[in-house]
């Protein structure tokens, strides 16, 4: 395989996240050069539909001129200033106001940062700070979920419930627990209804809290839909039962809206779609349509008052980043939220989502697909060796990765997740015709891999 000069330079200089670094030295990178709408082009001139919106994030697609103009204007006005020590800039307040107005809970203030990982890391620190302010120094444990994804900093990677994020990093840290994943297809017991399944998961959560001592359990964090963990969509009633347990034991509830926020599920936030009533949310990714790294945590009034008390006692709120509320990021994010409103992006998602869902559901009949699922404009196909038993392929076969590689040859970029799951998350501006093109490409890819599976007898492997 001949690699371009750009690819060779990349191999010798760049470390790539979520990549087999050994194999990468042979295969090299895919170099993308430009984008327009839902499309991107590589350095060889090949055109692709970006079927995962980058990394679940480029919600308004590529080359959106209003966002480019917002960044350019802010760069000319003041490209950087900080918000330490009482300094600020107008864009910070504008963005905070916009977020407060649409948050799915009674937000009092907003604390900005640079990424979803940082946002969830902040959530941990703020909850610890809050309970110290309230004189509850033992109430510090966090409960996350198996297969949840909350980031890669030391604290947020501990919240993440995926083995590869823990193994040989000496994670998770003490005080982080993981309860059941609400994936009915994979984890329901034989004959168990969805209602019985969610009741069991709520009971298991309560048993964990009692076992750990409720006076030591501070918070529960959950994505409305688990993204990187497999696009796991919770059964009806799941969050209602979970929240009853949290309320019973006075446990702070954090909604990780990093992937689901800003229209992805057909509402502004996934919390609204799934009946979640969080005390706080973490947002990033589509906050700026990924045009600039920016993220945020919303803070309720009770939490804010505790922060004031601690700041008064200590003499400062001893937290923040150089790029907290970066003016360019804030300008781009404020414009992004403005676009969502004036173009009725949520309404567009609701309009095209049934077509998206119909394509996903139809592929459930494909020989490779064991389970197909979607909500709004996010979905997945879970590939299996045997539909009846739900038997997975041997991971060493790389069936999911093979489908993704085949899709790329047919002009579609999507992403494989652990467990041979193919994820879809196109830009929110995707049209009905482009949705048709996405699934025409993935069906060809599935057929290509199915032919190989049959020819090589891989179901028996």
Protein backbone atom coordinates (compact mmCIF):
# COMPACT_ATOMS: atom_id res chain seq x y z
CA UNK A 1 0.00 0.00 0.00
CA UNK A 2 1.44 3.35 -1.06
CA UNK A 3 0.98 6.18 1.43
CA UNK A 4 0.87 9.87 0.53
CA UNK A 5 3.47 12.27 1.85
CA UNK A 6 0.86 13.75 4.20
CA UNK A 7 0.04 10.29 5.55
CA UNK A 8 3.70 9.44 6.16
CA UNK A 9 4.27 12.75 7.97
CA UNK A 10 1.20 12.07 10.10
CA UNK A 11 2.39 8.57 11.06
CA UNK A 12 5.70 9.96 12.25
CA UNK A 13 4.30 12.85 14.28
CA UNK A 14 0.69 12.39 15.47
CA UNK A 15 -0.80 10.09 18.12
CA UNK A 16 -4.37 9.15 17.17
CA UNK A 17 -7.01 8.51 19.85
CA UNK A 18 -9.08 5.32 19.70
CA UNK A 19 -6.72 3.77 17.17
CA UNK A 20 -4.67 0.57 17.16
CA UNK A 21 -1.35 2.39 17.15
CA UNK A 22 0.53 -0.66 15.91
CA UNK A 23 -1.73 -1.33 12.93
CA UNK A 24 -1.89 2.37 12.16
CA UNK A 25 1.79 2.46 11.24
CA UNK A 26 0.96 0.22 8.29
CA UNK A 27 -2.43 1.56 7.24
CA UNK A 28 -1.91 5.27 7.86
CA UNK A 29 -4.59 7.95 8.16
CA UNK A 30 -7.43 9.03 5.94
CA UNK A 31 -6.62 12.68 5.20
CA UNK A 32 -9.72 14.85 4.87
CA UNK A 33 -9.24 18.20 3.15
CA UNK A 34 -12.58 20.01 2.91
CA UNK A 35 -16.27 19.79 3.66
CA UNK A 36 -19.56 21.22 2.45
CA UNK A 37 -22.91 20.52 4.08
CA UNK A 38 -23.03 16.80 4.97
CA UNK A 39 -20.13 15.96 2.63
CA UNK A 40 -16.36 15.74 3.08
CA UNK A 41 -13.57 15.12 0.56
CA UNK A 42 -10.27 13.35 1.12
CA UNK A 43 -6.90 14.34 -0.33
CA UNK A 44 -7.44 12.02 -3.28
CA UNK A 45 -10.65 13.79 -4.29
CA UNK A 46 -13.07 11.13 -3.02
CA UNK A 47 -16.42 12.42 -1.74
CA UNK A 48 -18.18 10.98 1.32
CA UNK A 49 -21.33 11.59 3.34
CA UNK A 50 -20.17 12.22 6.91
CA UNK A 51 -22.64 9.82 8.52
CA UNK A 52 -21.51 10.37 12.10
CA UNK A 53 -21.30 14.18 11.96
CA UNK A 54 -17.58 13.88 12.67
CA UNK A 55 -17.73 12.55 16.22
CA UNK A 56 -21.46 13.05 16.89
CA UNK A 57 -20.83 16.80 16.74
CA UNK A 58 -20.89 18.68 13.42
CA UNK A 59 -24.61 19.29 13.67
CA UNK A 60 -24.86 22.08 11.10
CA UNK A 61 -22.55 20.39 8.65
CA UNK A 62 -19.45 21.81 7.02
CA UNK A 63 -18.64 25.30 5.74
CA UNK A 64 -21.56 26.98 7.50
CA UNK A 65 -20.86 30.61 6.63
CA UNK A 66 -22.68 32.17 9.60
CA UNK A 67 -20.43 30.28 12.00
CA UNK A 68 -17.32 31.16 10.01
CA UNK A 69 -18.36 34.81 10.07
CA UNK A 70 -19.05 34.72 13.82
CA UNK A 71 -15.58 33.33 14.49
CA UNK A 72 -13.92 35.79 12.10
CA UNK A 73 -15.70 38.80 13.55
CA UNK A 74 -14.81 37.80 17.09
CA UNK A 75 -11.18 37.16 16.09
CA UNK A 76 -10.99 40.72 14.77
CA UNK A 77 -12.70 42.22 17.81
CA UNK A 78 -10.84 40.42 20.59
CA UNK A 79 -9.45 36.95 19.83
CA UNK A 80 -8.82 36.10 23.46
CA UNK A 81 -9.56 37.30 26.90
CA UNK A 82 -10.18 35.29 30.05
CA UNK A 83 -12.88 35.27 32.71
CA UNK A 84 -10.60 34.89 35.74
CA UNK A 85 -10.69 37.42 38.57
CA UNK A 86 -13.88 39.14 37.49
CA UNK A 87 -12.92 39.88 33.88
CA UNK A 88 -15.33 38.91 31.13
CA UNK A 89 -16.63 39.67 27.65
CA UNK A 90 -20.09 40.07 26.15
CA UNK A 91 -20.15 36.76 24.29
CA UNK A 92 -19.81 34.82 27.55
CA UNK A 93 -22.95 36.38 28.98
CA UNK A 94 -24.83 36.01 25.69
CA UNK A 95 -24.08 32.30 25.47
CA UNK A 96 -24.89 31.69 29.14
CA UNK A 97 -28.23 33.48 28.72
CA UNK A 98 -29.10 31.37 25.69
CA UNK A 99 -28.21 28.14 27.51
CA UNK A 100 -30.17 29.06 30.62
CA UNK A 101 -33.23 29.83 28.49
CA UNK A 102 -33.35 26.36 26.90
CA UNK A 103 -31.91 24.13 29.65
CA UNK A 104 -34.18 21.23 30.69
CA UNK A 105 -33.97 22.25 34.37
CA UNK A 106 -33.93 25.45 36.41
CA UNK A 107 -30.39 26.59 35.61
CA UNK A 108 -29.06 29.55 37.56
CA UNK A 109 -25.56 29.89 36.14
CA UNK A 110 -23.26 28.30 33.55
CA UNK A 111 -19.65 27.17 34.00
CA UNK A 112 -17.79 26.88 30.70
CA UNK A 113 -14.87 24.68 29.69
CA UNK A 114 -13.37 23.18 26.56
CA UNK A 115 -14.76 19.66 26.07
CA UNK A 116 -17.31 17.13 27.23
CA UNK A 117 -14.61 15.35 29.23
CA UNK A 118 -13.81 18.58 31.06
CA UNK A 119 -17.50 19.26 31.63
CA UNK A 120 -18.02 15.92 33.36
CA UNK A 121 -14.78 16.34 35.27
CA UNK A 122 -16.19 19.65 36.51
CA UNK A 123 -19.39 17.91 37.53
CA UNK A 124 -17.42 15.64 39.86
CA UNK A 125 -15.54 18.55 41.42
CA UNK A 126 -18.66 20.66 41.84
CA UNK A 127 -20.60 17.88 43.55
CA UNK A 128 -17.72 17.29 45.96
CA UNK A 129 -17.49 21.06 46.58
CA UNK A 130 -21.25 21.28 47.10
CA UNK A 131 -21.39 18.49 49.66
CA UNK A 132 -18.46 19.94 51.56
CA UNK A 133 -20.33 23.25 51.68
CA UNK A 134 -23.38 21.45 53.08
CA UNK A 135 -21.32 19.68 55.75
CA UNK A 136 -21.64 16.26 54.13
CA UNK A 137 -17.98 15.25 53.67
CA UNK A 138 -18.79 11.54 53.26
CA UNK A 139 -21.34 12.04 50.45
CA UNK A 140 -18.90 11.81 47.54
CA UNK A 141 -19.44 8.61 45.52
CA UNK A 142 -20.60 8.73 41.91
CA UNK A 143 -22.69 6.10 40.17
CA UNK A 144 -22.42 5.77 36.41
CA UNK A 145 -23.46 2.87 34.18
CA UNK A 146 -21.77 0.01 32.40
CA UNK A 147 -21.22 1.09 28.75
CA UNK A 148 -21.78 4.74 29.61
CA UNK A 149 -19.38 7.24 28.06
CA UNK A 150 -18.49 10.45 29.88
CA UNK A 151 -14.99 11.34 28.73
CA UNK A 152 -11.31 10.58 29.12
CA UNK A 153 -9.87 12.76 31.90
CA UNK A 154 -9.00 10.84 35.06
CA UNK A 155 -12.38 11.54 36.64
CA UNK A 156 -14.54 11.44 33.52
CA UNK A 157 -12.84 8.29 32.21
CA UNK A 158 -13.60 6.69 35.55
CA UNK A 159 -17.27 7.57 35.01
CA UNK A 160 -17.06 6.00 31.57
CA UNK A 161 -18.09 2.35 31.76
CA UNK A 162 -16.02 0.87 28.92
CA UNK A 163 -13.11 -1.52 29.61
CA UNK A 164 -10.69 -0.02 27.07
CA UNK A 165 -10.92 3.33 28.85
CA UNK A 166 -9.86 1.75 32.15
CA UNK A 167 -7.46 -1.03 31.27
CA UNK A 168 -3.83 -0.22 32.14
CA UNK A 169 -4.72 3.40 32.91
CA UNK A 170 -5.32 2.31 36.54
CA UNK A 171 -8.94 3.41 36.38
CA UNK A 172 -11.57 3.84 37.65
CA UNK A 173 -10.56 5.91 40.65
CA UNK A 174 -11.99 5.09 44.07
CA UNK A 175 -15.52 6.20 44.70
CA UNK A 176 -16.85 5.62 41.18
CA UNK A 177 -19.36 2.78 40.76
CA UNK A 178 -21.10 1.37 37.70
CA UNK A 179 -24.64 0.03 37.66
CA UNK A 180 -26.53 -1.82 34.91
CA UNK A 181 -26.69 -0.82 31.26
CA UNK A 182 -30.33 -0.44 30.07
CA UNK A 183 -29.78 -2.40 26.86
CA UNK A 184 -32.86 -4.61 26.78
CA UNK A 185 -31.79 -6.52 23.65
CA UNK A 186 -28.52 -7.65 25.26
CA UNK A 187 -29.20 -7.79 28.98
CA UNK A 188 -32.83 -8.79 29.50
CA UNK A 189 -33.31 -12.17 31.13
CA UNK A 190 -35.22 -14.87 29.16
CA UNK A 191 -38.93 -14.05 29.10
CA UNK A 192 -38.44 -10.72 30.89
CA UNK A 193 -40.66 -7.86 29.64
CA UNK A 194 -39.27 -4.36 29.21
CA UNK A 195 -41.21 -3.24 32.29
CA UNK A 196 -39.78 -6.11 34.34
CA UNK A 197 -36.31 -5.32 32.99
CA UNK A 198 -36.45 -1.65 34.01
CA UNK A 199 -37.89 -2.58 37.42
CA UNK A 200 -34.98 -4.95 37.98
CA UNK A 201 -32.44 -2.31 36.98
CA UNK A 202 -33.97 0.23 39.35
CA UNK A 203 -33.91 -2.32 42.17
CA UNK A 204 -30.27 -3.15 41.43
CA UNK A 205 -29.44 0.56 41.61
CA UNK A 206 -31.23 0.88 44.95
CA UNK A 207 -29.47 -2.22 46.27
CA UNK A 208 -26.12 -0.72 45.29
CA UNK A 209 -26.93 2.56 47.04
CA UNK A 210 -27.98 0.74 50.22
CA UNK A 211 -24.91 -1.50 50.08
CA UNK A 212 -22.62 1.51 49.72
CA UNK A 213 -24.56 3.56 52.34
CA UNK A 214 -26.79 6.36 50.99
CA UNK A 215 -24.90 8.88 53.12
CA UNK A 216 -21.83 8.26 50.93
CA UNK A 217 -23.49 8.32 47.48
CA UNK A 218 -23.54 11.81 45.98
CA UNK A 219 -24.53 11.66 42.33
CA UNK A 220 -25.75 9.61 39.39
CA UNK A 221 -24.74 10.50 35.83
CA UNK A 222 -26.38 9.22 32.66
CA UNK A 223 -26.61 9.94 28.94
CA UNK A 224 -30.20 10.01 27.65
CA UNK A 225 -28.98 7.67 24.89
CA UNK A 226 -25.64 5.94 25.41
CA UNK A 227 -23.57 7.02 22.43
CA UNK A 228 -20.11 5.47 22.31
CA UNK A 229 -21.39 2.56 24.40
CA UNK A 230 -23.49 1.38 21.45
CA UNK A 231 -26.32 3.86 20.86
CA UNK A 232 -28.28 2.21 23.66
CA UNK A 233 -31.80 3.61 23.81
CA UNK A 234 -33.47 3.08 27.20
CA UNK A 235 -36.81 1.26 27.39
CA UNK A 236 -39.93 3.24 28.23
CA UNK A 237 -40.19 4.03 31.93
CA UNK A 238 -36.52 3.42 32.69
CA UNK A 239 -35.61 6.93 33.79
CA UNK A 240 -38.87 7.37 35.69
CA UNK A 241 -37.97 4.38 37.87
CA UNK A 242 -34.33 5.37 38.22
CA UNK A 243 -35.23 8.91 39.25
CA UNK A 244 -37.59 7.66 41.95
CA UNK A 245 -34.63 5.87 43.52
CA UNK A 246 -32.38 8.91 43.25
CA UNK A 247 -35.00 11.15 44.86
CA UNK A 248 -35.52 8.68 47.69
CA UNK A 249 -31.84 8.86 48.67
CA UNK A 250 -31.18 12.54 47.85
CA UNK A 251 -28.79 11.81 45.01
CA UNK A 252 -27.85 14.57 42.57
CA UNK A 253 -28.79 13.71 38.98
CA UNK A 254 -26.56 14.77 36.08
CA UNK A 255 -27.67 14.39 32.46
CA UNK A 256 -24.74 14.04 30.09
CA UNK A 257 -26.21 15.77 27.03
CA UNK A 258 -22.91 15.94 25.13
CA UNK A 259 -24.25 13.79 22.27
CA UNK A 260 -28.03 14.12 22.66
CA UNK A 261 -28.19 17.87 23.25
CA UNK A 262 -29.41 20.46 20.73
CA UNK A 263 -31.95 18.54 18.71
CA UNK A 264 -30.44 15.12 18.09
CA UNK A 265 -33.40 13.15 19.47
CA UNK A 266 -36.13 15.43 18.10
CA UNK A 267 -36.24 17.67 21.17
CA UNK A 268 -33.73 20.32 22.17
CA UNK A 269 -32.37 17.91 24.79
CA UNK A 270 -32.49 14.16 25.20
CA UNK A 271 -33.71 14.76 28.75
CA UNK A 272 -36.99 16.00 27.28
CA UNK A 273 -37.29 12.98 25.00
CA UNK A 274 -36.83 10.45 27.81
CA UNK A 275 -38.55 12.18 30.72
CA UNK A 276 -35.36 13.00 32.61
CA UNK A 277 -35.47 15.73 35.26
CA UNK A 278 -31.80 16.43 35.96
CA UNK A 279 -30.25 18.77 38.50
CA UNK A 280 -27.55 19.71 35.99
CA UNK A 281 -26.51 19.00 32.41
CA UNK A 282 -23.18 18.73 30.61
CA UNK A 283 -23.07 19.99 27.02
CA UNK A 284 -20.38 20.19 24.34
CA UNK A 285 -20.08 18.96 20.70
CA UNK A 286 -23.18 20.42 18.98
CA UNK A 287 -23.01 23.45 21.30
CA UNK A 288 -20.79 25.01 18.62
CA UNK A 289 -21.50 22.49 15.85
CA UNK A 290 -17.90 21.48 16.66
CA UNK A 291 -16.55 24.59 14.91
CA UNK A 292 -14.71 25.55 18.11
CA UNK A 293 -13.90 23.54 21.26
CA UNK A 294 -16.33 24.68 23.94
CA UNK A 295 -18.45 22.96 26.58
CA UNK A 296 -20.48 23.84 29.63
CA UNK A 297 -22.06 22.69 32.86
CA UNK A 298 -25.33 24.22 34.07
CA UNK A 299 -25.59 25.03 37.76
CA UNK A 300 -28.79 25.25 39.78
CA UNK A 301 -29.38 27.96 42.37
CA UNK A 302 -28.77 25.69 45.36
CA UNK A 303 -25.44 24.59 43.93
CA UNK A 304 -24.54 28.20 43.11
CA UNK A 305 -25.26 29.36 46.67
CA UNK A 306 -23.03 26.58 47.99
CA UNK A 307 -20.28 27.75 45.63
CA UNK A 308 -20.65 31.30 46.98
CA UNK A 309 -20.39 30.01 50.56
CA UNK A 310 -17.23 28.04 49.78
CA UNK A 311 -15.71 30.96 47.88
CA UNK A 312 -16.41 33.23 50.84
CA UNK A 313 -14.77 30.76 53.21
CA UNK A 314 -11.71 30.03 51.07
CA UNK A 315 -11.34 33.43 49.46
CA UNK A 316 -11.77 32.29 45.87
CA UNK A 317 -13.47 29.73 43.66
CA UNK A 318 -10.31 27.79 42.93
CA UNK A 319 -11.23 26.30 39.58
CA UNK A 320 -11.18 27.27 35.91
CA UNK A 321 -9.31 26.93 32.64
CA UNK A 322 -7.37 29.42 30.55
CA UNK A 323 -9.96 28.87 27.82
CA UNK A 324 -13.07 28.95 30.04
CA UNK A 325 -15.67 30.89 28.00
CA UNK A 326 -13.14 31.57 25.22
CA UNK A 327 -14.58 34.54 23.30
CA UNK A 328 -14.29 32.93 19.86
CA UNK A 329 -15.84 29.70 21.10
CA UNK A 330 -18.60 31.60 22.89
CA UNK A 331 -19.34 33.67 19.77
CA UNK A 332 -19.54 30.58 17.58
CA UNK A 333 -21.68 28.71 20.11
CA UNK A 334 -24.07 31.64 20.57
CA UNK A 335 -24.49 31.85 16.79
CA UNK A 336 -25.04 28.08 16.65
CA UNK A 337 -27.87 28.29 19.17
CA UNK A 338 -29.32 31.22 17.23
CA UNK A 339 -29.29 29.13 14.04
CA UNK A 340 -30.99 26.20 15.76
CA UNK A 341 -33.84 28.52 16.70
CA UNK A 342 -34.25 30.60 13.55
CA UNK A 343 -33.97 27.64 11.17
CA UNK A 344 -36.14 25.42 13.38
CA UNK A 345 -33.56 22.64 13.37
CA UNK A 346 -35.58 20.62 15.90
CA UNK A 347 -38.58 20.79 13.58
CA UNK A 348 -36.43 19.62 10.68
CA UNK A 349 -35.17 16.67 12.72
CA UNK A 350 -38.76 15.70 13.51
CA UNK A 351 -39.65 15.97 9.84
CA UNK A 352 -36.89 13.68 8.51
CA UNK A 353 -36.52 11.34 11.51
CA UNK A 354 -39.36 8.99 10.42
CA UNK A 355 -37.53 8.35 7.13
CA UNK A 356 -34.30 7.71 9.04
CA UNK A 357 -36.13 5.35 11.43
CA UNK A 358 -37.80 3.48 8.56
CA UNK A 359 -34.44 2.79 6.91
CA UNK A 360 -32.96 1.57 10.20
CA UNK A 361 -35.97 -0.66 10.89
CA UNK A 362 -35.90 -2.15 7.37
CA UNK A 363 -32.27 -3.21 7.83
CA UNK A 364 -33.28 -5.28 10.86
CA UNK A 365 -34.15 -7.95 8.27
CA UNK A 366 -30.62 -8.08 6.87
CA UNK A 367 -28.85 -11.40 7.64
CA UNK A 368 -26.06 -9.60 9.52
CA UNK A 369 -28.29 -7.43 11.72
CA UNK A 370 -29.49 -8.68 15.07
CA UNK A 371 -30.97 -5.43 16.36
CA UNK A 372 -31.77 -2.07 14.77
CA UNK A 373 -32.63 1.02 16.80
CA UNK A 374 -32.98 4.78 16.44
CA UNK A 375 -34.30 7.94 18.03
CA UNK A 376 -34.46 11.20 16.12
CA UNK A 377 -31.30 11.29 14.01
CA UNK A 378 -29.19 8.83 15.95
CA UNK A 379 -29.28 5.09 15.40
CA UNK A 380 -27.37 1.83 15.23
CA UNK A 381 -27.26 -1.61 13.72
CA UNK A 382 -25.99 -4.37 16.00
CA UNK A 383 -24.40 -7.12 13.94
CA UNK A 384 -24.64 -10.76 15.00
CA UNK A 385 -23.54 -14.17 13.79
CA UNK A 386 -26.92 -15.70 14.67
CA UNK A 387 -30.18 -13.78 14.94
CA UNK A 388 -32.07 -16.34 17.00
CA UNK A 389 -29.47 -16.74 19.75
CA UNK A 390 -28.07 -13.17 19.43
CA UNK A 391 -24.62 -14.77 19.20
CA UNK A 392 -21.94 -12.21 18.40
CA UNK A 393 -19.14 -12.69 15.94
CA UNK A 394 -15.68 -13.39 17.31
CA UNK A 395 -14.29 -9.87 17.93
CA UNK A 396 -11.05 -10.90 16.23
CA UNK A 397 -12.94 -11.11 12.92
CA UNK A 398 -13.60 -7.38 12.97
CA UNK A 399 -16.99 -7.65 11.28
CA UNK A 400 -18.13 -4.19 12.35
CA UNK A 401 -14.88 -2.65 11.14
CA UNK A 402 -15.27 -4.52 7.84
CA UNK A 403 -18.72 -2.99 7.32
CA UNK A 404 -17.35 0.47 8.02
CA UNK A 405 -14.49 -0.06 5.54
CA UNK A 406 -16.97 -1.28 2.91
CA UNK A 407 -19.24 1.70 3.54
CA UNK A 408 -16.31 4.03 2.98
CA UNK A 409 -15.75 2.48 -0.45
CA UNK A 410 -19.39 3.29 -1.19
CA UNK A 411 -18.97 6.92 -0.15
CA UNK A 412 -20.15 6.85 3.47
CA UNK A 413 -18.27 7.52 6.70
CA UNK A 414 -19.77 5.88 9.78
CA UNK A 415 -18.19 4.44 12.92
CA UNK A 416 -17.87 0.97 14.43
CA UNK A 417 -18.47 0.64 18.16
CA UNK A 418 -17.52 -2.22 20.46
CA UNK A 419 -19.66 -5.28 19.92
CA UNK A 420 -19.85 -4.93 16.12
CA UNK A 421 -22.25 -2.01 16.31
CA UNK A 422 -22.50 0.39 13.38
CA UNK A 423 -23.50 3.88 14.54
CA UNK A 424 -25.29 6.61 12.56
CA UNK A 425 -25.48 10.25 13.58
CA UNK A 426 -25.60 12.50 10.49
CA UNK A 427 -25.53 16.30 10.64
CA UNK A 428 -28.92 17.62 11.71
CA UNK A 429 -29.26 19.43 8.37
CA UNK A 430 -29.37 16.12 6.46
CA UNK A 431 -32.11 15.94 3.83
CA UNK A 432 -34.49 13.09 3.05
CA UNK A 433 -32.56 12.34 -0.15
CA UNK A 434 -29.26 12.27 1.72
CA UNK A 435 -30.75 9.88 4.28
CA UNK A 436 -31.70 7.61 1.39
CA UNK A 437 -28.11 7.80 0.13
CA UNK A 438 -26.70 6.94 3.57
CA UNK A 439 -28.71 3.76 3.77
CA UNK A 440 -28.18 2.79 0.15
CA UNK A 441 -24.44 2.87 0.89
CA UNK A 442 -24.70 0.95 4.16
CA UNK A 443 -26.90 -1.71 2.59
CA UNK A 444 -24.28 -2.27 -0.11
CA UNK A 445 -21.63 -2.48 2.60
CA UNK A 446 -23.66 -5.03 4.58
CA UNK A 447 -24.16 -7.10 1.43
CA UNK A 448 -20.42 -6.99 0.71
CA UNK A 449 -19.56 -8.26 4.17
CA UNK A 450 -22.36 -10.83 4.22
CA UNK A 451 -20.95 -12.30 1.02
CA UNK A 452 -17.56 -12.64 2.70
CA UNK A 453 -19.10 -14.10 5.86
CA UNK A 454 -20.87 -16.77 3.84
CA UNK A 455 -17.91 -17.54 1.60
CA UNK A 456 -15.48 -17.90 4.50
CA UNK A 457 -17.90 -19.60 6.93
CA UNK A 458 -17.34 -16.91 9.55
CA UNK A 459 -20.59 -17.56 11.43
CA UNK A 460 -19.09 -20.82 12.67
CA UNK A 461 -15.82 -19.21 13.73
